[in-house]
PDB file of N, CA and C in Angstrom:
ATOM      1  N   MET A   1       4.421  21.356  -0.149  1.00  0.00           N
ATOM      2  CA  MET A   1       3.265  20.558   0.232  1.00  0.00           C
ATOM      3  C   MET A   1       2.314  20.426  -0.959  1.00  0.00           C
ATOM      4  N   ILE A   2       1.847  19.239  -1.174  1.00  0.00           N
ATOM      5  CA  ILE A   2       0.911  18.975  -2.273  1.00  0.00           C
ATOM      6  C   ILE A   2      -0.513  19.158  -1.767  1.00  0.00           C
ATOM      7  N   GLN A   3      -1.342  19.824  -2.575  1.00  0.00           N
ATOM      8  CA  GLN A   3      -2.731  20.079  -2.224  1.00  0.00           C
ATOM      9  C   GLN A   3      -3.650  19.677  -3.377  1.00  0.00           C
ATOM     10  N   VAL A   4      -4.938  19.584  -3.083  1.00  0.00           N
ATOM     11  CA  VAL A   4      -5.938  19.296  -4.113  1.00  0.00           C
ATOM     12  C   VAL A   4      -5.829  20.351  -5.214  1.00  0.00           C
ATOM     13  N   GLY A   5      -5.827  19.890  -6.462  1.00  0.00           N
ATOM     14  CA  GLY A   5      -5.730  20.779  -7.604  1.00  0.00           C
ATOM     15  C   GLY A   5      -4.318  20.916  -8.150  1.00  0.00           C
ATOM     16  N   ASP A   6      -3.324  20.448  -7.395  1.00  0.00           N
ATOM     17  CA  ASP A   6      -1.934  20.549  -7.847  1.00  0.00           C
ATOM     18  C   ASP A   6      -1.632  19.552  -8.955  1.00  0.00           C
ATOM     19  N   LEU A   7      -0.765  19.962  -9.870  1.00  0.00           N
ATOM     20  CA  LEU A   7      -0.253  19.059 -10.894  1.00  0.00           C
ATOM     21  C   LEU A   7       0.931  18.314 -10.293  1.00  0.00           C
ATOM     22  N   VAL A   8       0.973  17.002 -10.519  1.00  0.00           N
ATOM     23  CA  VAL A   8       2.056  16.181  -9.977  1.00  0.00           C
ATOM     24  C   VAL A   8       2.608  15.257 -11.048  1.00  0.00           C
ATOM     25  N   ILE A   9       3.808  14.753 -10.785  1.00  0.00           N
ATOM     26  CA  ILE A   9       4.462  13.788 -11.661  1.00  0.00           C
ATOM     27  C   ILE A   9       4.732  12.537 -10.843  1.00  0.00           C
ATOM     28  N   TYR A  10       4.406  11.385 -11.413  1.00  0.00           N
ATOM     29  CA  TYR A  10       4.678  10.100 -10.770  1.00  0.00           C
ATOM     30  C   TYR A  10       6.142   9.762 -11.032  1.00  0.00           C
ATOM     31  N   VAL A  11       6.949   9.650  -9.964  1.00  0.00           N
ATOM     32  CA  VAL A  11       8.395   9.528 -10.141  1.00  0.00           C
ATOM     33  C   VAL A  11       8.835   8.234 -10.821  1.00  0.00           C
ATOM     34  N   LYS A  12       8.034   7.190 -10.768  1.00  0.00           N
ATOM     35  CA  LYS A  12       8.438   5.910 -11.373  1.00  0.00           C
ATOM     36  C   LYS A  12       8.426   5.942 -12.897  1.00  0.00           C
ATOM     37  N   ASP A  13       7.471   6.686 -13.487  1.00  0.00           N
ATOM     38  CA  ASP A  13       7.385   6.658 -14.960  1.00  0.00           C
ATOM     39  C   ASP A  13       7.182   8.035 -15.608  1.00  0.00           C
ATOM     40  N   GLY A  14       7.106   9.091 -14.806  1.00  0.00           N
ATOM     41  CA  GLY A  14       6.977  10.433 -15.362  1.00  0.00           C
ATOM     42  C   GLY A  14       5.571  10.834 -15.754  1.00  0.00           C
ATOM     43  N   ALA A  15       4.565  10.000 -15.440  1.00  0.00           N
ATOM     44  CA  ALA A  15       3.173  10.336 -15.772  1.00  0.00           C
ATOM     45  C   ALA A  15       2.749  11.594 -15.015  1.00  0.00           C
ATOM     46  N   LYS A  16       1.884  12.388 -15.652  1.00  0.00           N
ATOM     47  CA  LYS A  16       1.403  13.629 -15.053  1.00  0.00           C
ATOM     48  C   LYS A  16      -0.069  13.503 -14.694  1.00  0.00           C
ATOM     49  N   GLY A  17      -0.442  14.128 -13.583  1.00  0.00           N
ATOM     50  CA  GLY A  17      -1.825  14.084 -13.150  1.00  0.00           C
ATOM     51  C   GLY A  17      -2.161  15.234 -12.229  1.00  0.00           C
ATOM     52  N   VAL A  18      -3.415  15.263 -11.798  1.00  0.00           N
ATOM     53  CA  VAL A  18      -3.930  16.303 -10.910  1.00  0.00           C
ATOM     54  C   VAL A  18      -4.459  15.644  -9.642  1.00  0.00           C
ATOM     55  N   VAL A  19      -4.112  16.215  -8.491  1.00  0.00           N
ATOM     56  CA  VAL A  19      -4.609  15.719  -7.205  1.00  0.00           C
ATOM     57  C   VAL A  19      -6.089  16.081  -7.088  1.00  0.00           C
ATOM     58  N   ILE A  20      -6.937  15.066  -6.860  1.00  0.00           N
ATOM     59  CA  ILE A  20      -8.368  15.335  -6.735  1.00  0.00           C
ATOM     60  C   ILE A  20      -8.892  15.080  -5.324  1.00  0.00           C
ATOM     61  N   HIS A  21      -8.099  14.381  -4.480  1.00  0.00           N
ATOM     62  CA  HIS A  21      -8.515  14.120  -3.099  1.00  0.00           C
ATOM     63  C   HIS A  21      -7.296  13.741  -2.283  1.00  0.00           C
ATOM     64  N   MET A  22      -7.338  14.067  -0.990  1.00  0.00           N
ATOM     65  CA  MET A  22      -6.247  13.707  -0.084  1.00  0.00           C
ATOM     66  C   MET A  22      -6.811  12.980   1.131  1.00  0.00           C
ATOM     67  N   GLU A  23      -6.049  12.004   1.622  1.00  0.00           N
ATOM     68  CA  GLU A  23      -6.441  11.272   2.822  1.00  0.00           C
ATOM     69  C   GLU A  23      -5.170  10.834   3.537  1.00  0.00           C
ATOM     70  N   GLU A  24      -4.827  11.505   4.629  1.00  0.00           N
ATOM     71  CA  GLU A  24      -3.600  11.272   5.384  1.00  0.00           C
ATOM     72  C   GLU A  24      -2.385  11.382   4.469  1.00  0.00           C
ATOM     73  N   ASP A  25      -1.634  10.285   4.277  1.00  0.00           N
ATOM     74  CA  ASP A  25      -0.422  10.346   3.452  1.00  0.00           C
ATOM     75  C   ASP A  25      -0.655   9.823   2.037  1.00  0.00           C
ATOM     76  N   ARG A  26      -1.933   9.691   1.646  1.00  0.00           N
ATOM     77  CA  ARG A  26      -2.258   9.203   0.299  1.00  0.00           C
ATOM     78  C   ARG A  26      -2.991  10.283  -0.472  1.00  0.00           C
ATOM     79  N   PHE A  27      -2.769  10.255  -1.789  1.00  0.00           N
ATOM     80  CA  PHE A  27      -3.369  11.244  -2.678  1.00  0.00           C
ATOM     81  C   PHE A  27      -4.080  10.527  -3.819  1.00  0.00           C
ATOM     82  N   GLN A  28      -5.310  10.951  -4.115  1.00  0.00           N
ATOM     83  CA  GLN A  28      -6.024  10.405  -5.257  1.00  0.00           C
ATOM     84  C   GLN A  28      -5.701  11.287  -6.453  1.00  0.00           C
ATOM     85  N   ILE A  29      -5.202  10.643  -7.517  1.00  0.00           N
ATOM     86  CA  ILE A  29      -4.722  11.364  -8.691  1.00  0.00           C
ATOM     87  C   ILE A  29      -5.536  10.979  -9.914  1.00  0.00           C
ATOM     88  N   LYS A  30      -5.921  11.987 -10.697  1.00  0.00           N
ATOM     89  CA  LYS A  30      -6.520  11.746 -12.011  1.00  0.00           C
ATOM     90  C   LYS A  30      -5.412  11.985 -13.029  1.00  0.00           C
ATOM     91  N   TRP A  31      -5.011  10.925 -13.710  1.00  0.00           N
ATOM     92  CA  TRP A  31      -3.881  10.968 -14.638  1.00  0.00           C
ATOM     93  C   TRP A  31      -4.305  11.471 -16.008  1.00  0.00           C
ATOM     94  N   GLU A  32      -3.323  11.775 -16.840  1.00  0.00           N
ATOM     95  CA  GLU A  32      -3.551  12.307 -18.191  1.00  0.00           C
ATOM     96  C   GLU A  32      -4.500  11.445 -19.015  1.00  0.00           C
ATOM     97  N   ASP A  33      -4.450  10.129 -18.800  1.00  0.00           N
ATOM     98  CA  ASP A  33      -5.295   9.210 -19.581  1.00  0.00           C
ATOM     99  C   ASP A  33      -6.660   8.972 -18.925  1.00  0.00           C
ATOM    100  N   ASP A  34      -7.014   9.813 -17.939  1.00  0.00           N
ATOM    101  CA  ASP A  34      -8.278   9.757 -17.191  1.00  0.00           C
ATOM    102  C   ASP A  34      -8.363   8.614 -16.204  1.00  0.00           C
ATOM    103  N   PHE A  35      -7.293   7.842 -16.032  1.00  0.00           N
ATOM    104  CA  PHE A  35      -7.230   6.810 -14.997  1.00  0.00           C
ATOM    105  C   PHE A  35      -7.106   7.504 -13.643  1.00  0.00           C
ATOM    106  N   VAL A  36      -7.739   6.947 -12.609  1.00  0.00           N
ATOM    107  CA  VAL A  36      -7.673   7.515 -11.260  1.00  0.00           C
ATOM    108  C   VAL A  36      -7.092   6.470 -10.323  1.00  0.00           C
ATOM    109  N   SER A  37      -6.141   6.899  -9.481  1.00  0.00           N
ATOM    110  CA  SER A  37      -5.533   5.965  -8.526  1.00  0.00           C
ATOM    111  C   SER A  37      -5.120   6.689  -7.255  1.00  0.00           C
ATOM    112  N   TRP A  38      -4.903   5.910  -6.187  1.00  0.00           N
ATOM    113  CA  TRP A  38      -4.381   6.412  -4.924  1.00  0.00           C
ATOM    114  C   TRP A  38      -2.885   6.168  -4.905  1.00  0.00           C
ATOM    115  N   GLU A  39      -2.118   7.188  -4.539  1.00  0.00           N
ATOM    116  CA  GLU A  39      -0.658   7.078  -4.503  1.00  0.00           C
ATOM    117  C   GLU A  39      -0.113   7.649  -3.205  1.00  0.00           C
ATOM    118  N   LYS A  40       1.015   7.089  -2.757  1.00  0.00           N
ATOM    119  CA  LYS A  40       1.693   7.610  -1.577  1.00  0.00           C
ATOM    120  C   LYS A  40       2.476   8.862  -1.943  1.00  0.00           C
ATOM    121  N   ARG A  41       2.633   9.751  -0.985  1.00  0.00           N
ATOM    122  CA  ARG A  41       3.331  11.027  -1.198  1.00  0.00           C
ATOM    123  C   ARG A  41       4.738  10.822  -1.759  1.00  0.00           C
ATOM    124  N   GLU A  42       5.435   9.793  -1.307  1.00  0.00           N
ATOM    125  CA  GLU A  42       6.828   9.576  -1.712  1.00  0.00           C
ATOM    126  C   GLU A  42       6.998   9.308  -3.205  1.00  0.00           C
ATOM    127  N   TRP A  43       5.919   8.919  -3.896  1.00  0.00           N
ATOM    128  CA  TRP A  43       6.012   8.645  -5.339  1.00  0.00           C
ATOM    129  C   TRP A  43       5.548   9.808  -6.190  1.00  0.00           C
ATOM    130  N   LEU A  44       5.212  10.937  -5.554  1.00  0.00           N
ATOM    131  CA  LEU A  44       4.710  12.094  -6.286  1.00  0.00           C
ATOM    132  C   LEU A  44       5.670  13.269  -6.174  1.00  0.00           C
ATOM    133  N   LEU A  45       5.825  13.964  -7.277  1.00  0.00           N
ATOM    134  CA  LEU A  45       6.699  15.131  -7.344  1.00  0.00           C
ATOM    135  C   LEU A  45       5.864  16.295  -7.870  1.00  0.00           C
ATOM    136  N   PRO A  46       5.822  17.414  -7.149  1.00  0.00           N
ATOM    137  CA  PRO A  46       5.082  18.563  -7.690  1.00  0.00           C
ATOM    138  C   PRO A  46       5.644  18.932  -9.059  1.00  0.00           C
ATOM    139  N   SER A  47       4.786  19.197 -10.027  1.00  0.00           N
ATOM    140  CA  SER A  47       5.249  19.444 -11.395  1.00  0.00           C
ATOM    141  C   SER A  47       6.022  20.740 -11.528  1.00  0.00           C
ATOM    142  N   SER A  48       5.994  21.593 -10.506  1.00  0.00           N
ATOM    143  CA  SER A  48       6.742  22.847 -10.556  1.00  0.00           C
ATOM    144  C   SER A  48       8.246  22.619 -10.420  1.00  0.00           C
ATOM    145  N   LEU A  49       8.661  21.451  -9.892  1.00  0.00           N
ATOM    146  CA  LEU A  49      10.085  21.162  -9.793  1.00  0.00           C
ATOM    147  C   LEU A  49      10.653  20.884 -11.174  1.00  0.00           C
ATOM    148  N   GLU A  50      11.900  21.232 -11.361  1.00  0.00           N
ATOM    149  CA  GLU A  50      12.550  21.033 -12.647  1.00  0.00           C
ATOM    150  C   GLU A  50      12.663  19.551 -12.970  1.00  0.00           C
ATOM    151  N   GLN A  51      12.581  19.201 -14.245  1.00  0.00           N
ATOM    152  CA  GLN A  51      12.733  17.812 -14.675  1.00  0.00           C
ATOM    153  C   GLN A  51      14.103  17.265 -14.297  1.00  0.00           C
ATOM    154  N   SER A  52      15.098  18.117 -14.162  1.00  0.00           N
ATOM    155  CA  SER A  52      16.435  17.654 -13.792  1.00  0.00           C
ATOM    156  C   SER A  52      16.448  17.086 -12.378  1.00  0.00           C
ATOM    157  N   ASP A  53      15.471  17.434 -11.554  1.00  0.00           N
ATOM    158  CA  ASP A  53      15.383  16.906 -10.201  1.00  0.00           C
ATOM    159  C   ASP A  53      14.773  15.507 -10.175  1.00  0.00           C
ATOM    160  N   LEU A  54      14.093  15.101 -11.241  1.00  0.00           N
ATOM    161  CA  LEU A  54      13.411  13.816 -11.281  1.00  0.00           C
ATOM    162  C   LEU A  54      14.362  12.641 -11.103  1.00  0.00           C
ATOM    163  N   PRO A  55      15.500  12.551 -11.799  1.00  0.00           N
ATOM    164  CA  PRO A  55      16.415  11.421 -11.581  1.00  0.00           C
ATOM    165  C   PRO A  55      16.934  11.368 -10.142  1.00  0.00           C
ATOM    166  N   LYS A  56      17.184  12.517  -9.532  1.00  0.00           N
ATOM    167  CA  LYS A  56      17.643  12.547  -8.155  1.00  0.00           C
ATOM    168  C   LYS A  56      16.581  11.980  -7.227  1.00  0.00           C
ATOM    169  N   GLN A  57      15.323  12.355  -7.460  1.00  0.00           N
ATOM    170  CA  GLN A  57      14.209  11.878  -6.643  1.00  0.00           C
ATOM    171  C   GLN A  57      14.075  10.366  -6.778  1.00  0.00           C
ATOM    172  N   LYS A  58      14.203   9.823  -7.985  1.00  0.00           N
ATOM    173  CA  LYS A  58      14.111   8.377  -8.196  1.00  0.00           C
ATOM    174  C   LYS A  58      15.199   7.643  -7.433  1.00  0.00           C
ATOM    175  N   GLU A  59      16.435   8.165  -7.482  1.00  0.00           N
ATOM    176  CA  GLU A  59      17.551   7.533  -6.794  1.00  0.00           C
ATOM    177  C   GLU A  59      17.305   7.508  -5.289  1.00  0.00           C
ATOM    178  N   GLN A  60      16.774   8.566  -4.746  1.00  0.00           N
ATOM    179  CA  GLN A  60      16.520   8.629  -3.317  1.00  0.00           C
ATOM    180  C   GLN A  60      15.466   7.634  -2.896  1.00  0.00           C
ATOM    181  N   GLN A  61      14.505   7.333  -3.768  1.00  0.00           N
ATOM    182  CA  GLN A  61      13.425   6.410  -3.425  1.00  0.00           C
ATOM    183  C   GLN A  61      13.891   4.961  -3.445  1.00  0.00           C
ATOM    184  N   GLU A  62      14.930   4.661  -4.205  1.00  0.00           N
ATOM    185  CA  GLU A  62      15.382   3.277  -4.354  1.00  0.00           C
ATOM    186  C   GLU A  62      16.288   2.830  -3.269  1.00  0.00           C
TER     187      GLU A  62
END
């Protein structure tokens, strides 16, 4: 489960960010470049997962 303060990876491009707010199934993320956006849970991967899991996650989303 993703919570406020967690580091996450955006599965589409590998960008890293920190969860700063949650609202139902959406998460507000502050990205490495200081950009802030709302993202759906399905596009976020907790950064604790191995990078080798990232291609599998992308395939499942498509």
